[in-house]
Amino acid sequence: MADRVHPRDSPPPTVEAASNPSQEAPLKPAPPMPENPVPPPPGTYVIQVPKDQIYRHPPPENARRYQNYTRRKARRSFCCRCLCWTLGLIALLIVLLAVAAGILYLVFRPKAPKYSVDDVAIRGFNLTSSSTISPEFDVTVRARNPNDKIGIYYQKASSVKVYYSDINLCNGVLPTFYQPSNNVTIFQKALKGSKILLTSAVNSALVAEQKQGKVPLRLNLKAPVKIKVGAVKTWTITVKVKCDVTVDKLTAQSKIVDKDCDYCVKLW
């Protein structure tokens, strides 16, 4: 029988082995495996990639896609910065305009002009006939500017209209003039209508209201104006005035029984 050879501890490396690195070094023992290794969940794969094979840049086949993504990201960032700057400038402009408007209000203390109808003389009404009528109204309007440092320029393209129950009876225009501060201007305008046919119902209503001494009329006034603040004139602003006027009769000697005027301003 062959002799049995029992393993012994490896002898220490000799000087010759240490001086010759081409010889294989003794292998280190593998670390012990855990007694109860935890298996990965079912359907899960664990891939181990060596560290030196991990790329910090995309591979050539994905380089174009990466460049397009980078460009889109830079363009999106630029657009966001532009939008933020634009919104910031708009907000700053609004704040500056509000501050300027507040300062102008405190300096000039603007007040709304006042309008009223002082007198109405009526001619041309013949309610005993069924033919057309051509009424004429002589209207006296009072315009008051209560401001201390603001003047008003009354421009062309104005209009004055008189209505009865939505029927336009006559029309006219206002004069063009400048009204200084703290001024009251009274002007009389002749308004004329032509060939207006009243229905029998309207005619009967006018006759009944004259007997009662209360004929309701409505005067609509529209005037484009420019406001003078110091040495500066504003753009054209439209002033609209609506006056509900009640007269006792439709003659030249008519008197105003009741009146109420309201106005609104259209800035643009």
C-alpha atoms as a PDB file:
ATOM      1  CA  MET A   1       0.000   0.000   0.000  1.00  0.00           C
ATOM      2  CA  ALA A   2       1.071   3.545  -0.707  1.00  0.00           C
ATOM      3  CA  ASP A   3       2.102   5.621   2.178  1.00  0.00           C
ATOM      4  CA  ARG A   4      -0.378   8.223   3.354  1.00  0.00           C
ATOM      5  CA  VAL A   5       0.754  11.812   3.292  1.00  0.00           C
ATOM      6  CA  HIS A   6      -0.607  13.994   6.076  1.00  0.00           C
ATOM      7  CA  PRO A   7      -0.957  17.758   5.365  1.00  0.00           C
ATOM      8  CA  ARG A   8       1.227  20.046   7.370  1.00  0.00           C
ATOM      9  CA  ASP A   9       1.427  23.797   7.705  1.00  0.00           C
ATOM     10  CA  SER A  10       2.965  25.459   4.714  1.00  0.00           C
ATOM     11  CA  PRO A  11       6.551  26.364   5.232  1.00  0.00           C
ATOM     12  CA  PRO A  12       7.431  30.022   5.372  1.00  0.00           C
ATOM     13  CA  PRO A  13       8.415  31.561   2.059  1.00  0.00           C
ATOM     14  CA  THR A  14      12.055  31.374   1.299  1.00  0.00           C
ATOM     15  CA  VAL A  15      14.267  34.262   0.269  1.00  0.00           C
ATOM     16  CA  GLU A  16      14.289  32.978  -3.279  1.00  0.00           C
ATOM     17  CA  ALA A  17      10.507  32.989  -3.478  1.00  0.00           C
ATOM     18  CA  ALA A  18      10.303  36.486  -2.113  1.00  0.00           C
ATOM     19  CA  SER A  19      12.836  37.748  -4.605  1.00  0.00           C
ATOM     20  CA  ASN A  20      10.965  36.167  -7.521  1.00  0.00           C
ATOM     21  CA  PRO A  21       7.545  37.935  -7.765  1.00  0.00           C
ATOM     22  CA  SER A  22       6.506  35.806 -10.750  1.00  0.00           C
ATOM     23  CA  GLN A  23       5.737  32.981  -8.444  1.00  0.00           C
ATOM     24  CA  GLU A  24       2.147  32.836  -7.217  1.00  0.00           C
ATOM     25  CA  ALA A  25       1.499  34.096  -3.731  1.00  0.00           C
ATOM     26  CA  PRO A  26      -0.375  31.845  -1.403  1.00  0.00           C
ATOM     27  CA  LEU A  27      -4.152  32.326  -1.560  1.00  0.00           C
ATOM     28  CA  LYS A  28      -5.909  33.866   1.412  1.00  0.00           C
ATOM     29  CA  PRO A  29      -8.741  31.929   2.880  1.00  0.00           C
ATOM     30  CA  ALA A  30     -12.231  33.076   1.811  1.00  0.00           C
ATOM     31  CA  PRO A  31     -14.344  34.773   4.449  1.00  0.00           C
ATOM     32  CA  PRO A  32     -16.752  32.477   6.152  1.00  0.00           C
ATOM     33  CA  MET A  33     -20.300  32.450   4.756  1.00  0.00           C
ATOM     34  CA  PRO A  34     -23.111  33.503   7.099  1.00  0.00           C
ATOM     35  CA  GLU A  35     -24.913  30.701   8.770  1.00  0.00           C
ATOM     36  CA  ASN A  36     -28.370  31.853   7.608  1.00  0.00           C
ATOM     37  CA  PRO A  37     -27.999  33.947   4.399  1.00  0.00           C
ATOM     38  CA  VAL A  38     -31.055  36.059   3.557  1.00  0.00           C
ATOM     39  CA  PRO A  39     -32.286  35.111   0.102  1.00  0.00           C
ATOM     40  CA  PRO A  40     -33.356  37.972  -2.241  1.00  0.00           C
ATOM     41  CA  PRO A  41     -37.083  38.490  -2.767  1.00  0.00           C
ATOM     42  CA  PRO A  42     -38.609  36.402  -5.542  1.00  0.00           C
ATOM     43  CA  GLY A  43     -38.321  38.050  -8.962  1.00  0.00           C
ATOM     44  CA  THR A  44     -35.441  40.279  -7.831  1.00  0.00           C
ATOM     45  CA  TYR A  45     -32.053  40.211  -9.483  1.00  0.00           C
ATOM     46  CA  VAL A  46     -28.927  41.556  -7.933  1.00  0.00           C
ATOM     47  CA  ILE A  47     -26.339  42.665 -10.479  1.00  0.00           C
ATOM     48  CA  GLN A  48     -22.888  43.530  -9.315  1.00  0.00           C
ATOM     49  CA  VAL A  49     -20.877  45.770 -11.599  1.00  0.00           C
ATOM     50  CA  PRO A  50     -17.221  46.473 -10.949  1.00  0.00           C
ATOM     51  CA  LYS A  51     -16.532  50.039  -9.950  1.00  0.00           C
ATOM     52  CA  ASP A  52     -14.052  50.602 -12.751  1.00  0.00           C
ATOM     53  CA  GLN A  53     -16.743  49.771 -15.336  1.00  0.00           C
ATOM     54  CA  ILE A  54     -19.215  52.452 -14.190  1.00  0.00           C
ATOM     55  CA  TYR A  55     -19.299  55.360 -16.692  1.00  0.00           C
ATOM     56  CA  ARG A  56     -19.701  58.923 -15.537  1.00  0.00           C
ATOM     57  CA  HIS A  57     -20.749  59.992 -19.046  1.00  0.00           C
ATOM     58  CA  PRO A  58     -23.434  58.453 -21.285  1.00  0.00           C
ATOM     59  CA  PRO A  59     -22.267  55.822 -23.734  1.00  0.00           C
ATOM     60  CA  PRO A  60     -21.932  56.841 -27.410  1.00  0.00           C
ATOM     61  CA  GLU A  61     -25.337  55.457 -28.376  1.00  0.00           C
ATOM     62  CA  ASN A  62     -27.021  57.751 -25.801  1.00  0.00           C
ATOM     63  CA  ALA A  63     -24.795  60.803 -26.236  1.00  0.00           C
ATOM     64  CA  ARG A  64     -27.178  62.595 -28.625  1.00  0.00           C
ATOM     65  CA  ARG A  65     -30.148  61.984 -26.368  1.00  0.00           C
ATOM     66  CA  TYR A  66     -28.167  63.343 -23.425  1.00  0.00           C
ATOM     67  CA  GLN A  67     -27.165  66.458 -25.392  1.00  0.00           C
ATOM     68  CA  ASN A  68     -30.795  67.121 -26.413  1.00  0.00           C
ATOM     69  CA  TYR A  69     -31.893  66.732 -22.802  1.00  0.00           C
ATOM     70  CA  THR A  70     -29.195  69.126 -21.639  1.00  0.00           C
ATOM     71  CA  ARG A  71     -30.203  71.723 -24.237  1.00  0.00           C
ATOM     72  CA  ARG A  72     -33.871  71.469 -23.339  1.00  0.00           C
ATOM     73  CA  LYS A  73     -33.023  71.837 -19.669  1.00  0.00           C
ATOM     74  CA  ALA A  74     -30.893  74.940 -20.338  1.00  0.00           C
ATOM     75  CA  ARG A  75     -33.598  76.465 -22.556  1.00  0.00           C
ATOM     76  CA  ARG A  76     -36.260  75.782 -19.911  1.00  0.00           C
ATOM     77  CA  SER A  77     -34.091  77.407 -17.254  1.00  0.00           C
ATOM     78  CA  PHE A  78     -33.555  80.470 -19.459  1.00  0.00           C
ATOM     79  CA  CYS A  79     -37.302  80.799 -20.115  1.00  0.00           C
ATOM     80  CA  CYS A  80     -38.043  80.536 -16.387  1.00  0.00           C
ATOM     81  CA  ARG A  81     -35.542  83.292 -15.614  1.00  0.00           C
ATOM     82  CA  CYS A  82     -37.028  85.527 -18.334  1.00  0.00           C
ATOM     83  CA  LEU A  83     -40.547  84.933 -16.990  1.00  0.00           C
ATOM     84  CA  CYS A  84     -39.468  85.748 -13.432  1.00  0.00           C
ATOM     85  CA  TRP A  85     -37.767  88.961 -14.562  1.00  0.00           C
ATOM     86  CA  THR A  86     -40.816  89.993 -16.604  1.00  0.00           C
ATOM     87  CA  LEU A  87     -43.226  89.372 -13.732  1.00  0.00           C
ATOM     88  CA  GLY A  88     -40.935  91.234 -11.371  1.00  0.00           C
ATOM     89  CA  LEU A  89     -40.744  94.250 -13.682  1.00  0.00           C
ATOM     90  CA  ILE A  90     -44.534  94.290 -14.112  1.00  0.00           C
ATOM     91  CA  ALA A  91     -45.049  94.132 -10.348  1.00  0.00           C
ATOM     92  CA  LEU A  92     -42.517  96.942  -9.847  1.00  0.00           C
ATOM     93  CA  LEU A  93     -44.245  99.065 -12.495  1.00  0.00           C
ATOM     94  CA  ILE A  94     -47.643  98.528 -10.845  1.00  0.00           C
ATOM     95  CA  VAL A  95     -46.225  99.543  -7.480  1.00  0.00           C
ATOM     96  CA  LEU A  96     -44.624 102.682  -8.944  1.00  0.00           C
ATOM     97  CA  LEU A  97     -47.865 103.658 -10.697  1.00  0.00           C
ATOM     98  CA  ALA A  98     -49.823 103.151  -7.492  1.00  0.00           C
ATOM     99  CA  VAL A  99     -47.358 105.291  -5.565  1.00  0.00           C
ATOM    100  CA  ALA A 100     -47.489 108.023  -8.230  1.00  0.00           C
ATOM    101  CA  ALA A 101     -51.300 107.961  -8.259  1.00  0.00           C
ATOM    102  CA  GLY A 102     -51.366 108.231  -4.480  1.00  0.00           C
ATOM    103  CA  ILE A 103     -49.000 111.202  -4.527  1.00  0.00           C
ATOM    104  CA  LEU A 104     -51.034 112.964  -7.230  1.00  0.00           C
ATOM    105  CA  TYR A 105     -54.226 112.371  -5.275  1.00  0.00           C
ATOM    106  CA  LEU A 106     -52.726 113.822  -2.104  1.00  0.00           C
ATOM    107  CA  VAL A 107     -51.357 116.849  -3.962  1.00  0.00           C
ATOM    108  CA  PHE A 108     -54.338 117.776  -6.170  1.00  0.00           C
ATOM    109  CA  ARG A 109     -57.275 116.263  -4.245  1.00  0.00           C
ATOM    110  CA  PRO A 110     -59.449 115.710  -7.361  1.00  0.00           C
ATOM    111  CA  LYS A 111     -63.223 116.130  -7.022  1.00  0.00           C
ATOM    112  CA  ALA A 112     -65.963 115.085  -9.410  1.00  0.00           C
ATOM    113  CA  PRO A 113     -67.630 117.856 -11.462  1.00  0.00           C
ATOM    114  CA  LYS A 114     -71.298 118.567 -10.806  1.00  0.00           C
ATOM    115  CA  TYR A 115     -74.033 118.857 -13.460  1.00  0.00           C
ATOM    116  CA  SER A 116     -77.654 119.939 -13.247  1.00  0.00           C
ATOM    117  CA  VAL A 117     -80.499 121.153 -15.471  1.00  0.00           C
ATOM    118  CA  ASP A 118     -81.691 124.606 -14.419  1.00  0.00           C
ATOM    119  CA  ASP A 119     -84.429 125.331 -16.966  1.00  0.00           C
ATOM    120  CA  VAL A 120     -86.322 123.760 -19.888  1.00  0.00           C
ATOM    121  CA  ALA A 121     -88.454 125.607 -22.453  1.00  0.00           C
ATOM    122  CA  ILE A 122     -90.463 123.372 -24.803  1.00  0.00           C
ATOM    123  CA  ARG A 123     -92.098 124.157 -28.135  1.00  0.00           C
ATOM    124  CA  GLY A 124     -93.540 122.200 -31.048  1.00  0.00           C
ATOM    125  CA  PHE A 125     -95.869 119.800 -29.223  1.00  0.00           C
ATOM    126  CA  ASN A 126     -99.386 119.488 -30.663  1.00  0.00           C
ATOM    127  CA  LEU A 127    -101.096 116.662 -28.853  1.00  0.00           C
ATOM    128  CA  THR A 128    -104.506 117.329 -30.422  1.00  0.00           C
ATOM    129  CA  SER A 129    -103.349 116.147 -33.866  1.00  0.00           C
ATOM    130  CA  SER A 130    -102.170 112.725 -35.058  1.00  0.00           C
ATOM    131  CA  SER A 131     -99.583 114.191 -37.455  1.00  0.00           C
ATOM    132  CA  THR A 132     -95.830 114.191 -36.867  1.00  0.00           C
ATOM    133  CA  ILE A 133     -94.245 116.720 -34.528  1.00  0.00           C
ATOM    134  CA  SER A 134     -90.909 118.582 -34.538  1.00  0.00           C
ATOM    135  CA  PRO A 135     -90.258 119.458 -30.887  1.00  0.00           C
ATOM    136  CA  GLU A 136     -87.680 122.026 -29.733  1.00  0.00           C
ATOM    137  CA  PHE A 137     -86.123 122.146 -26.287  1.00  0.00           C
ATOM    138  CA  ASP A 138     -84.130 125.080 -24.897  1.00  0.00           C
ATOM    139  CA  VAL A 139     -82.144 123.442 -22.105  1.00  0.00           C
ATOM    140  CA  THR A 140     -80.066 125.364 -19.578  1.00  0.00           C
ATOM    141  CA  VAL A 141     -77.276 123.207 -18.101  1.00  0.00           C
ATOM    142  CA  ARG A 142     -75.073 124.166 -15.157  1.00  0.00           C
ATOM    143  CA  ALA A 143     -71.559 122.642 -14.989  1.00  0.00           C
ATOM    144  CA  ARG A 144     -69.517 123.175 -11.823  1.00  0.00           C
ATOM    145  CA  ASN A 145     -65.816 122.408 -11.430  1.00  0.00           C
ATOM    146  CA  PRO A 146     -65.058 122.288  -7.665  1.00  0.00           C
ATOM    147  CA  ASN A 147     -61.330 121.486  -8.001  1.00  0.00           C
ATOM    148  CA  ASP A 148     -58.646 123.916  -6.873  1.00  0.00           C
ATOM    149  CA  LYS A 149     -55.850 122.851  -9.239  1.00  0.00           C
ATOM    150  CA  ILE A 150     -57.617 121.006 -12.067  1.00  0.00           C
ATOM    151  CA  GLY A 151     -59.149 122.461 -15.247  1.00  0.00           C
ATOM    152  CA  ILE A 152     -61.446 120.779 -17.790  1.00  0.00           C
ATOM    153  CA  TYR A 153     -61.287 121.070 -21.585  1.00  0.00           C
ATOM    154  CA  TYR A 154     -64.631 120.222 -23.252  1.00  0.00           C
ATOM    155  CA  GLN A 155     -63.870 118.730 -26.667  1.00  0.00           C
ATOM    156  CA  LYS A 156     -65.852 118.208 -29.870  1.00  0.00           C
ATOM    157  CA  ALA A 157     -68.058 115.183 -30.663  1.00  0.00           C
ATOM    158  CA  SER A 158     -70.372 115.788 -27.690  1.00  0.00           C
ATOM    159  CA  SER A 159     -74.093 115.022 -27.720  1.00  0.00           C
ATOM    160  CA  VAL A 160     -77.247 115.988 -25.805  1.00  0.00           C
ATOM    161  CA  LYS A 161     -80.456 113.988 -26.222  1.00  0.00           C
ATOM    162  CA  VAL A 162     -83.914 114.246 -24.664  1.00  0.00           C
ATOM    163  CA  TYR A 163     -86.102 111.140 -24.297  1.00  0.00           C
ATOM    164  CA  TYR A 164     -89.656 110.424 -23.291  1.00  0.00           C
ATOM    165  CA  SER A 165     -90.359 106.753 -22.557  1.00  0.00           C
ATOM    166  CA  ASP A 166     -87.369 105.660 -24.738  1.00  0.00           C
ATOM    167  CA  ILE A 167     -88.541 107.903 -27.601  1.00  0.00           C
ATOM    168  CA  ASN A 168     -85.807 110.260 -28.790  1.00  0.00           C
ATOM    169  CA  LEU A 169     -87.495 113.662 -29.043  1.00  0.00           C
ATOM    170  CA  CYS A 170     -84.564 115.956 -29.933  1.00  0.00           C
ATOM    171  CA  ASN A 171     -80.763 116.158 -30.197  1.00  0.00           C
ATOM    172  CA  GLY A 172     -77.982 118.720 -29.931  1.00  0.00           C
ATOM    173  CA  VAL A 173     -74.313 119.261 -29.071  1.00  0.00           C
ATOM    174  CA  LEU A 174     -72.407 121.075 -26.348  1.00  0.00           C
ATOM    175  CA  PRO A 175     -70.083 124.013 -27.004  1.00  0.00           C
ATOM    176  CA  THR A 176     -66.318 123.502 -26.844  1.00  0.00           C
ATOM    177  CA  PHE A 177     -64.748 125.533 -24.036  1.00  0.00           C
ATOM    178  CA  TYR A 178     -62.242 125.439 -21.192  1.00  0.00           C
ATOM    179  CA  GLN A 179     -63.523 125.462 -17.644  1.00  0.00           C
ATOM    180  CA  PRO A 180     -60.903 126.634 -15.114  1.00  0.00           C
ATOM    181  CA  SER A 181     -60.686 125.473 -11.521  1.00  0.00           C
ATOM    182  CA  ASN A 182     -63.367 126.582  -9.050  1.00  0.00           C
ATOM    183  CA  ASN A 183     -65.664 127.685 -11.854  1.00  0.00           C
ATOM    184  CA  VAL A 184     -69.389 127.426 -12.607  1.00  0.00           C
ATOM    185  CA  THR A 185     -70.360 127.548 -16.299  1.00  0.00           C
ATOM    186  CA  ILE A 186     -73.989 127.903 -17.391  1.00  0.00           C
ATOM    187  CA  PHE A 187     -74.804 127.327 -21.037  1.00  0.00           C
ATOM    188  CA  GLN A 188     -78.083 127.121 -22.923  1.00  0.00           C
ATOM    189  CA  LYS A 189     -78.503 124.791 -25.860  1.00  0.00           C
ATOM    190  CA  ALA A 190     -81.277 124.532 -28.425  1.00  0.00           C
ATOM    191  CA  LEU A 191     -82.178 120.903 -29.103  1.00  0.00           C
ATOM    192  CA  LYS A 192     -84.306 120.046 -32.101  1.00  0.00           C
ATOM    193  CA  GLY A 193     -86.258 117.031 -33.332  1.00  0.00           C
ATOM    194  CA  SER A 194     -87.811 116.415 -36.728  1.00  0.00           C
ATOM    195  CA  LYS A 195     -90.887 114.509 -37.919  1.00  0.00           C
ATOM    196  CA  ILE A 196     -91.507 112.356 -34.891  1.00  0.00           C
ATOM    197  CA  LEU A 197     -94.650 110.262 -35.033  1.00  0.00           C
ATOM    198  CA  LEU A 198     -96.206 109.506 -31.676  1.00  0.00           C
ATOM    199  CA  THR A 199     -98.492 106.530 -31.269  1.00  0.00           C
ATOM    200  CA  SER A 200    -101.999 107.020 -29.905  1.00  0.00           C
ATOM    201  CA  ALA A 201    -100.990 105.385 -26.624  1.00  0.00           C
ATOM    202  CA  VAL A 202     -98.007 107.731 -26.159  1.00  0.00           C
ATOM    203  CA  ASN A 203    -100.137 110.725 -27.126  1.00  0.00           C
ATOM    204  CA  SER A 204    -102.812 109.777 -24.586  1.00  0.00           C
ATOM    205  CA  ALA A 205    -100.170 109.268 -21.862  1.00  0.00           C
ATOM    206  CA  LEU A 206     -98.684 112.741 -22.497  1.00  0.00           C
ATOM    207  CA  VAL A 207    -102.137 114.360 -22.298  1.00  0.00           C
ATOM    208  CA  ALA A 208    -102.884 112.589 -19.009  1.00  0.00           C
ATOM    209  CA  GLU A 209     -99.493 113.511 -17.494  1.00  0.00           C
ATOM    210  CA  GLN A 210     -99.916 117.170 -18.477  1.00  0.00           C
ATOM    211  CA  LYS A 211    -103.239 117.227 -16.634  1.00  0.00           C
ATOM    212  CA  GLN A 212    -101.446 115.856 -13.547  1.00  0.00           C
ATOM    213  CA  GLY A 213     -98.619 118.401 -13.970  1.00  0.00           C
ATOM    214  CA  LYS A 214     -95.898 115.730 -14.072  1.00  0.00           C
ATOM    215  CA  VAL A 215     -94.331 114.861 -17.439  1.00  0.00           C
ATOM    216  CA  PRO A 216     -91.184 112.716 -16.970  1.00  0.00           C
ATOM    217  CA  LEU A 217     -88.303 113.344 -19.377  1.00  0.00           C
ATOM    218  CA  ARG A 218     -84.752 112.074 -19.517  1.00  0.00           C
ATOM    219  CA  LEU A 219     -81.745 114.075 -20.691  1.00  0.00           C
ATOM    220  CA  ASN A 220     -78.601 112.172 -21.729  1.00  0.00           C
ATOM    221  CA  LEU A 221     -75.396 114.156 -22.086  1.00  0.00           C
ATOM    222  CA  LYS A 222     -72.083 112.793 -23.382  1.00  0.00           C
ATOM    223  CA  ALA A 223     -69.004 115.034 -23.378  1.00  0.00           C
ATOM    224  CA  PRO A 224     -65.408 114.101 -24.272  1.00  0.00           C
ATOM    225  CA  VAL A 225     -63.091 116.094 -22.008  1.00  0.00           C
ATOM    226  CA  LYS A 226     -59.405 116.460 -21.198  1.00  0.00           C
ATOM    227  CA  ILE A 227     -58.244 117.113 -17.669  1.00  0.00           C
ATOM    228  CA  LYS A 228     -55.535 119.720 -17.110  1.00  0.00           C
ATOM    229  CA  VAL A 229     -53.366 118.995 -14.080  1.00  0.00           C
ATOM    230  CA  GLY A 230     -50.836 121.751 -13.685  1.00  0.00           C
ATOM    231  CA  ALA A 231     -49.194 122.081 -17.101  1.00  0.00           C
ATOM    232  CA  VAL A 232     -50.110 118.524 -18.206  1.00  0.00           C
ATOM    233  CA  LYS A 233     -53.242 117.494 -20.127  1.00  0.00           C
ATOM    234  CA  THR A 234     -54.541 113.961 -19.980  1.00  0.00           C
ATOM    235  CA  TRP A 235     -55.916 111.843 -22.783  1.00  0.00           C
ATOM    236  CA  THR A 236     -59.583 112.188 -23.811  1.00  0.00           C
ATOM    237  CA  ILE A 237     -62.002 111.031 -21.127  1.00  0.00           C
ATOM    238  CA  THR A 238     -65.724 110.591 -21.789  1.00  0.00           C
ATOM    239  CA  VAL A 239     -68.158 112.001 -19.233  1.00  0.00           C
ATOM    240  CA  LYS A 240     -71.725 110.701 -19.384  1.00  0.00           C
ATOM    241  CA  VAL A 241     -74.513 112.494 -17.532  1.00  0.00           C
ATOM    242  CA  LYS A 242     -78.083 111.241 -17.122  1.00  0.00           C
ATOM    243  CA  CYS A 243     -80.694 113.620 -15.717  1.00  0.00           C
ATOM    244  CA  ASP A 244     -84.251 112.609 -14.910  1.00  0.00           C
ATOM    245  CA  VAL A 245     -86.298 115.808 -15.270  1.00  0.00           C
ATOM    246  CA  THR A 246     -90.009 116.198 -14.571  1.00  0.00           C
ATOM    247  CA  VAL A 247     -91.830 119.257 -15.998  1.00  0.00           C
ATOM    248  CA  ASP A 248     -95.370 120.451 -15.375  1.00  0.00           C
ATOM    249  CA  LYS A 249     -96.302 120.941 -19.054  1.00  0.00           C
ATOM    250  CA  LEU A 250     -94.924 120.818 -22.593  1.00  0.00           C
ATOM    251  CA  THR A 251     -94.906 124.538 -23.360  1.00  0.00           C
ATOM    252  CA  ALA A 252     -92.443 127.423 -23.415  1.00  0.00           C
ATOM    253  CA  GLN A 253     -93.587 128.342 -19.899  1.00  0.00           C
ATOM    254  CA  SER A 254     -92.860 124.883 -18.499  1.00  0.00           C
ATOM    255  CA  LYS A 255     -91.289 124.617 -15.081  1.00  0.00           C
ATOM    256  CA  ILE A 256     -89.129 121.880 -13.599  1.00  0.00           C
ATOM    257  CA  VAL A 257     -90.974 119.990 -10.868  1.00  0.00           C
ATOM    258  CA  ASP A 258     -88.271 117.479 -10.006  1.00  0.00           C
ATOM    259  CA  LYS A 259     -84.761 116.670 -11.235  1.00  0.00           C
ATOM    260  CA  ASP A 260     -82.023 114.185 -10.433  1.00  0.00           C
ATOM    261  CA  CYS A 261     -78.694 113.958 -12.252  1.00  0.00           C
ATOM    262  CA  ASP A 262     -76.094 111.224 -12.147  1.00  0.00           C
ATOM    263  CA  TYR A 263     -72.900 110.780 -14.112  1.00  0.00           C
ATOM    264  CA  CYS A 264     -70.179 108.251 -14.916  1.00  0.00           C
ATOM    265  CA  VAL A 265     -66.680 108.563 -16.382  1.00  0.00           C
ATOM    266  CA  LYS A 266     -65.182 106.340 -19.075  1.00  0.00           C
ATOM    267  CA  LEU A 267     -61.410 106.588 -18.834  1.00  0.00           C
ATOM    268  CA  TRP A 268     -60.554 104.781 -22.093  1.00  0.00           C
END
